[in-house]
Amino acid sequence: MISLSKPRSLRAPIARARRHRGFTLIELMVVLAILALLAGLVGPRVLNQLGGAKAKTTAVQIADLDKSLELFKLDVGRYPTTEEGLQALVARPGALGGWSGPYLKGNVPADAWGNPFRYTSTGGSVEILSLGADNAPGGEGEAADIRNTP
């Protein structure tokens, strides 16, 4: 009987080649689908944490500005006026007596979204306000206002 199969010496290299040929297109597509599913589930949670970090950073900045304003008040006897603003913490406003600043290193910081803080003084109290991610009054979540007073 005549055998049509390849001799044994030729079968071994072909079998080894099949074992080392790599991934099929279907296997790669399954892996990509799993990665896309994971990114879809984890991505929004990571982005929400990032947003929450910006709001927390802005709240910490406001607390630091509030403490600097208290030091200003101890030296000068009053808070900066609304017109003097937070700039009074880094540069002497006019010929103000008792000012021993600067009370901040560098310039007045912006909030975590790059917007300037809004400052109002009513004589006995001050308000430092960040309008949030949308830089508009009100809002919810990332767009919510953050202030030093309740």
C-alpha atoms as a PDB file:
ATOM      1  CA  MET A   1       0.000   0.000   0.000  1.00  0.00           C
ATOM      2  CA  ILE A   2       1.305   3.412  -0.940  1.00  0.00           C
ATOM      3  CA  SER A   3       1.183   6.068   1.735  1.00  0.00           C
ATOM      4  CA  LEU A   4       0.252   9.585   0.639  1.00  0.00           C
ATOM      5  CA  SER A   5       1.173  11.211   3.935  1.00  0.00           C
ATOM      6  CA  LYS A   6       4.382  13.150   4.290  1.00  0.00           C
ATOM      7  CA  PRO A   7       7.374  11.371   5.667  1.00  0.00           C
ATOM      8  CA  ARG A   8       7.877  11.716   9.400  1.00  0.00           C
ATOM      9  CA  SER A   9      10.950  13.904   8.939  1.00  0.00           C
ATOM     10  CA  LEU A  10       8.830  16.604   7.178  1.00  0.00           C
ATOM     11  CA  ARG A  11       5.897  16.533   9.654  1.00  0.00           C
ATOM     12  CA  ALA A  12       7.917  17.684  12.694  1.00  0.00           C
ATOM     13  CA  PRO A  13       8.960  21.130  11.317  1.00  0.00           C
ATOM     14  CA  ILE A  14       5.401  21.828  10.134  1.00  0.00           C
ATOM     15  CA  ALA A  15       3.958  20.960  13.564  1.00  0.00           C
ATOM     16  CA  ARG A  16       6.504  23.241  15.263  1.00  0.00           C
ATOM     17  CA  ALA A  17       5.643  26.057  12.865  1.00  0.00           C
ATOM     18  CA  ARG A  18       1.948  25.750  13.698  1.00  0.00           C
ATOM     19  CA  ARG A  19       2.689  26.003  17.418  1.00  0.00           C
ATOM     20  CA  HIS A  20       4.691  29.240  16.983  1.00  0.00           C
ATOM     21  CA  ARG A  21       2.632  31.099  14.412  1.00  0.00           C
ATOM     22  CA  GLY A  22       1.051  33.721  16.799  1.00  0.00           C
ATOM     23  CA  PHE A  23      -2.473  34.904  17.473  1.00  0.00           C
ATOM     24  CA  THR A  24      -5.394  34.689  15.107  1.00  0.00           C
ATOM     25  CA  LEU A  25      -7.457  37.714  14.152  1.00  0.00           C
ATOM     26  CA  ILE A  26     -10.396  36.449  16.214  1.00  0.00           C
ATOM     27  CA  GLU A  27      -8.222  36.116  19.317  1.00  0.00           C
ATOM     28  CA  LEU A  28      -6.989  39.687  18.884  1.00  0.00           C
ATOM     29  CA  MET A  29     -10.557  40.963  18.394  1.00  0.00           C
ATOM     30  CA  VAL A  30     -11.709  39.245  21.603  1.00  0.00           C
ATOM     31  CA  VAL A  31      -8.858  40.826  23.564  1.00  0.00           C
ATOM     32  CA  LEU A  32      -9.633  44.265  22.110  1.00  0.00           C
ATOM     33  CA  ALA A  33     -13.331  43.855  22.974  1.00  0.00           C
ATOM     34  CA  ILE A  34     -12.448  42.991  26.580  1.00  0.00           C
ATOM     35  CA  LEU A  35     -10.123  46.008  26.843  1.00  0.00           C
ATOM     36  CA  ALA A  36     -12.827  48.297  25.412  1.00  0.00           C
ATOM     37  CA  LEU A  37     -15.350  46.951  27.915  1.00  0.00           C
ATOM     38  CA  LEU A  38     -12.965  47.564  30.813  1.00  0.00           C
ATOM     39  CA  ALA A  39     -12.191  51.086  29.593  1.00  0.00           C
ATOM     40  CA  GLY A  40     -15.916  51.790  29.339  1.00  0.00           C
ATOM     41  CA  LEU A  41     -16.503  50.671  32.909  1.00  0.00           C
ATOM     42  CA  VAL A  42     -13.427  52.131  34.584  1.00  0.00           C
ATOM     43  CA  GLY A  43     -12.936  55.318  32.529  1.00  0.00           C
ATOM     44  CA  PRO A  44     -15.931  57.303  33.836  1.00  0.00           C
ATOM     45  CA  ARG A  45     -15.071  56.455  37.440  1.00  0.00           C
ATOM     46  CA  VAL A  46     -11.512  57.688  36.997  1.00  0.00           C
ATOM     47  CA  LEU A  47     -12.721  60.907  35.357  1.00  0.00           C
ATOM     48  CA  ASN A  48     -15.203  61.507  38.198  1.00  0.00           C
ATOM     49  CA  GLN A  49     -12.387  61.135  40.720  1.00  0.00           C
ATOM     50  CA  LEU A  50     -10.300  63.620  38.752  1.00  0.00           C
ATOM     51  CA  GLY A  51     -13.145  66.128  38.831  1.00  0.00           C
ATOM     52  CA  GLY A  52     -13.625  65.647  42.552  1.00  0.00           C
ATOM     53  CA  ALA A  53      -9.922  66.284  43.037  1.00  0.00           C
ATOM     54  CA  LYS A  54     -10.228  69.663  41.306  1.00  0.00           C
ATOM     55  CA  ALA A  55     -13.076  70.695  43.603  1.00  0.00           C
ATOM     56  CA  LYS A  56     -11.100  69.585  46.667  1.00  0.00           C
ATOM     57  CA  THR A  57      -8.000  71.427  45.452  1.00  0.00           C
ATOM     58  CA  THR A  58     -10.028  74.603  45.001  1.00  0.00           C
ATOM     59  CA  ALA A  59     -11.513  74.240  48.508  1.00  0.00           C
ATOM     60  CA  VAL A  60      -7.989  73.917  49.951  1.00  0.00           C
ATOM     61  CA  GLN A  61      -6.848  76.990  48.005  1.00  0.00           C
ATOM     62  CA  ILE A  62      -9.792  78.970  49.387  1.00  0.00           C
ATOM     63  CA  ALA A  63      -8.917  77.880  52.932  1.00  0.00           C
ATOM     64  CA  ASP A  64      -5.299  79.015  52.389  1.00  0.00           C
ATOM     65  CA  LEU A  65      -6.459  82.379  51.053  1.00  0.00           C
ATOM     66  CA  ASP A  66      -8.773  82.730  54.059  1.00  0.00           C
ATOM     67  CA  LYS A  67      -5.828  82.154  56.439  1.00  0.00           C
ATOM     68  CA  SER A  68      -3.728  84.700  54.556  1.00  0.00           C
ATOM     69  CA  LEU A  69      -6.568  87.202  54.892  1.00  0.00           C
ATOM     70  CA  GLU A  70      -6.609  86.594  58.651  1.00  0.00           C
ATOM     71  CA  LEU A  71      -2.876  87.405  58.811  1.00  0.00           C
ATOM     72  CA  PHE A  72      -3.524  90.560  56.782  1.00  0.00           C
ATOM     73  CA  LYS A  73      -6.260  91.542  59.249  1.00  0.00           C
ATOM     74  CA  LEU A  74      -3.968  90.953  62.244  1.00  0.00           C
ATOM     75  CA  ASP A  75      -1.332  93.278  60.765  1.00  0.00           C
ATOM     76  CA  VAL A  76      -3.536  95.968  59.246  1.00  0.00           C
ATOM     77  CA  GLY A  77      -6.594  95.816  61.490  1.00  0.00           C
ATOM     78  CA  ARG A  78      -9.078  95.108  58.714  1.00  0.00           C
ATOM     79  CA  TYR A  79      -9.646  92.875  55.712  1.00  0.00           C
ATOM     80  CA  PRO A  80      -8.760  94.177  52.245  1.00  0.00           C
ATOM     81  CA  THR A  81     -11.636  96.056  50.657  1.00  0.00           C
ATOM     82  CA  THR A  82     -13.444  94.578  47.681  1.00  0.00           C
ATOM     83  CA  GLU A  83     -11.632  97.088  45.474  1.00  0.00           C
ATOM     84  CA  GLU A  84      -8.203  96.109  46.875  1.00  0.00           C
ATOM     85  CA  GLY A  85      -9.129  92.463  46.412  1.00  0.00           C
ATOM     86  CA  LEU A  86      -6.872  89.480  46.950  1.00  0.00           C
ATOM     87  CA  GLN A  87      -4.039  91.384  45.259  1.00  0.00           C
ATOM     88  CA  ALA A  88      -3.569  93.155  48.628  1.00  0.00           C
ATOM     89  CA  LEU A  89      -2.086  89.886  49.892  1.00  0.00           C
ATOM     90  CA  VAL A  90       0.897  90.134  47.519  1.00  0.00           C
ATOM     91  CA  ALA A  91       1.358  93.895  47.000  1.00  0.00           C
ATOM     92  CA  ARG A  92       0.895  96.745  49.475  1.00  0.00           C
ATOM     93  CA  PRO A  93      -2.295  98.611  48.587  1.00  0.00           C
ATOM     94  CA  GLY A  94      -1.301 102.305  48.587  1.00  0.00           C
ATOM     95  CA  ALA A  95       0.302 103.691  51.752  1.00  0.00           C
ATOM     96  CA  LEU A  96      -1.361 101.188  54.062  1.00  0.00           C
ATOM     97  CA  GLY A  97       0.196 101.171  57.539  1.00  0.00           C
ATOM     98  CA  GLY A  98       0.976  97.911  59.275  1.00  0.00           C
ATOM     99  CA  TRP A  99       1.167  95.861  56.073  1.00  0.00           C
ATOM    100  CA  SER A 100       4.037  93.395  56.444  1.00  0.00           C
ATOM    101  CA  GLY A 101       3.362  91.152  53.492  1.00  0.00           C
ATOM    102  CA  PRO A 102       3.452  89.597  51.066  1.00  0.00           C
ATOM    103  CA  TYR A 103       1.113  87.080  52.652  1.00  0.00           C
ATOM    104  CA  LEU A 104       1.262  84.717  49.668  1.00  0.00           C
ATOM    105  CA  LYS A 105       4.234  83.344  47.759  1.00  0.00           C
ATOM    106  CA  GLY A 106       4.127  84.444  44.149  1.00  0.00           C
ATOM    107  CA  ASN A 107       0.895  85.752  42.724  1.00  0.00           C
ATOM    108  CA  VAL A 108      -2.712  85.192  43.734  1.00  0.00           C
ATOM    109  CA  PRO A 109      -3.548  81.678  42.518  1.00  0.00           C
ATOM    110  CA  ALA A 110      -6.374  80.811  40.151  1.00  0.00           C
ATOM    111  CA  ASP A 111      -8.831  78.039  40.959  1.00  0.00           C
ATOM    112  CA  ALA A 112      -8.265  74.497  39.672  1.00  0.00           C
ATOM    113  CA  TRP A 113     -10.026  75.352  36.391  1.00  0.00           C
ATOM    114  CA  GLY A 114      -7.806  78.399  35.759  1.00  0.00           C
ATOM    115  CA  ASN A 115     -10.415  81.024  36.682  1.00  0.00           C
ATOM    116  CA  PRO A 116      -9.727  83.864  39.122  1.00  0.00           C
ATOM    117  CA  PHE A 117     -11.284  83.728  42.578  1.00  0.00           C
ATOM    118  CA  ARG A 118     -13.981  86.286  43.312  1.00  0.00           C
ATOM    119  CA  TYR A 119     -13.475  88.265  46.506  1.00  0.00           C
ATOM    120  CA  THR A 120     -15.971  90.431  48.382  1.00  0.00           C
ATOM    121  CA  SER A 121     -15.495  92.202  51.686  1.00  0.00           C
ATOM    122  CA  THR A 122     -18.382  93.459  53.795  1.00  0.00           C
ATOM    123  CA  GLY A 123     -16.188  94.960  56.500  1.00  0.00           C
ATOM    124  CA  GLY A 124     -16.472  92.300  59.192  1.00  0.00           C
ATOM    125  CA  SER A 125     -16.429  89.278  56.914  1.00  0.00           C
ATOM    126  CA  VAL A 126     -15.107  88.212  53.540  1.00  0.00           C
ATOM    127  CA  GLU A 127     -16.247  85.833  50.846  1.00  0.00           C
ATOM    128  CA  ILE A 128     -13.897  83.996  48.507  1.00  0.00           C
ATOM    129  CA  LEU A 129     -15.733  82.301  45.676  1.00  0.00           C
ATOM    130  CA  SER A 130     -14.920  79.970  42.809  1.00  0.00           C
ATOM    131  CA  LEU A 131     -17.678  79.479  40.265  1.00  0.00           C
ATOM    132  CA  GLY A 132     -16.636  75.908  39.503  1.00  0.00           C
ATOM    133  CA  ALA A 133     -15.894  74.226  36.199  1.00  0.00           C
ATOM    134  CA  ASP A 134     -18.438  76.219  34.177  1.00  0.00           C
ATOM    135  CA  ASN A 135     -17.368  79.613  35.639  1.00  0.00           C
ATOM    136  CA  ALA A 136     -21.045  80.559  36.035  1.00  0.00           C
ATOM    137  CA  PRO A 137     -23.075  81.115  39.218  1.00  0.00           C
ATOM    138  CA  GLY A 138     -24.881  78.095  40.671  1.00  0.00           C
ATOM    139  CA  GLY A 139     -24.577  74.670  39.173  1.00  0.00           C
ATOM    140  CA  GLU A 140     -24.224  71.133  40.427  1.00  0.00           C
ATOM    141  CA  GLY A 141     -21.370  68.665  40.658  1.00  0.00           C
ATOM    142  CA  GLU A 142     -18.233  70.036  39.006  1.00  0.00           C
ATOM    143  CA  ALA A 143     -20.063  73.232  38.093  1.00  0.00           C
ATOM    144  CA  ALA A 144     -21.086  73.968  41.703  1.00  0.00           C
ATOM    145  CA  ASP A 145     -19.832  77.118  43.409  1.00  0.00           C
ATOM    146  CA  ILE A 146     -17.175  76.694  46.104  1.00  0.00           C
ATOM    147  CA  ARG A 147     -16.830  79.356  48.810  1.00  0.00           C
ATOM    148  CA  ASN A 148     -15.265  79.919  52.199  1.00  0.00           C
ATOM    149  CA  THR A 149     -18.560  80.709  53.901  1.00  0.00           C
ATOM    150  CA  PRO A 150     -21.477  78.302  54.276  1.00  0.00           C
END
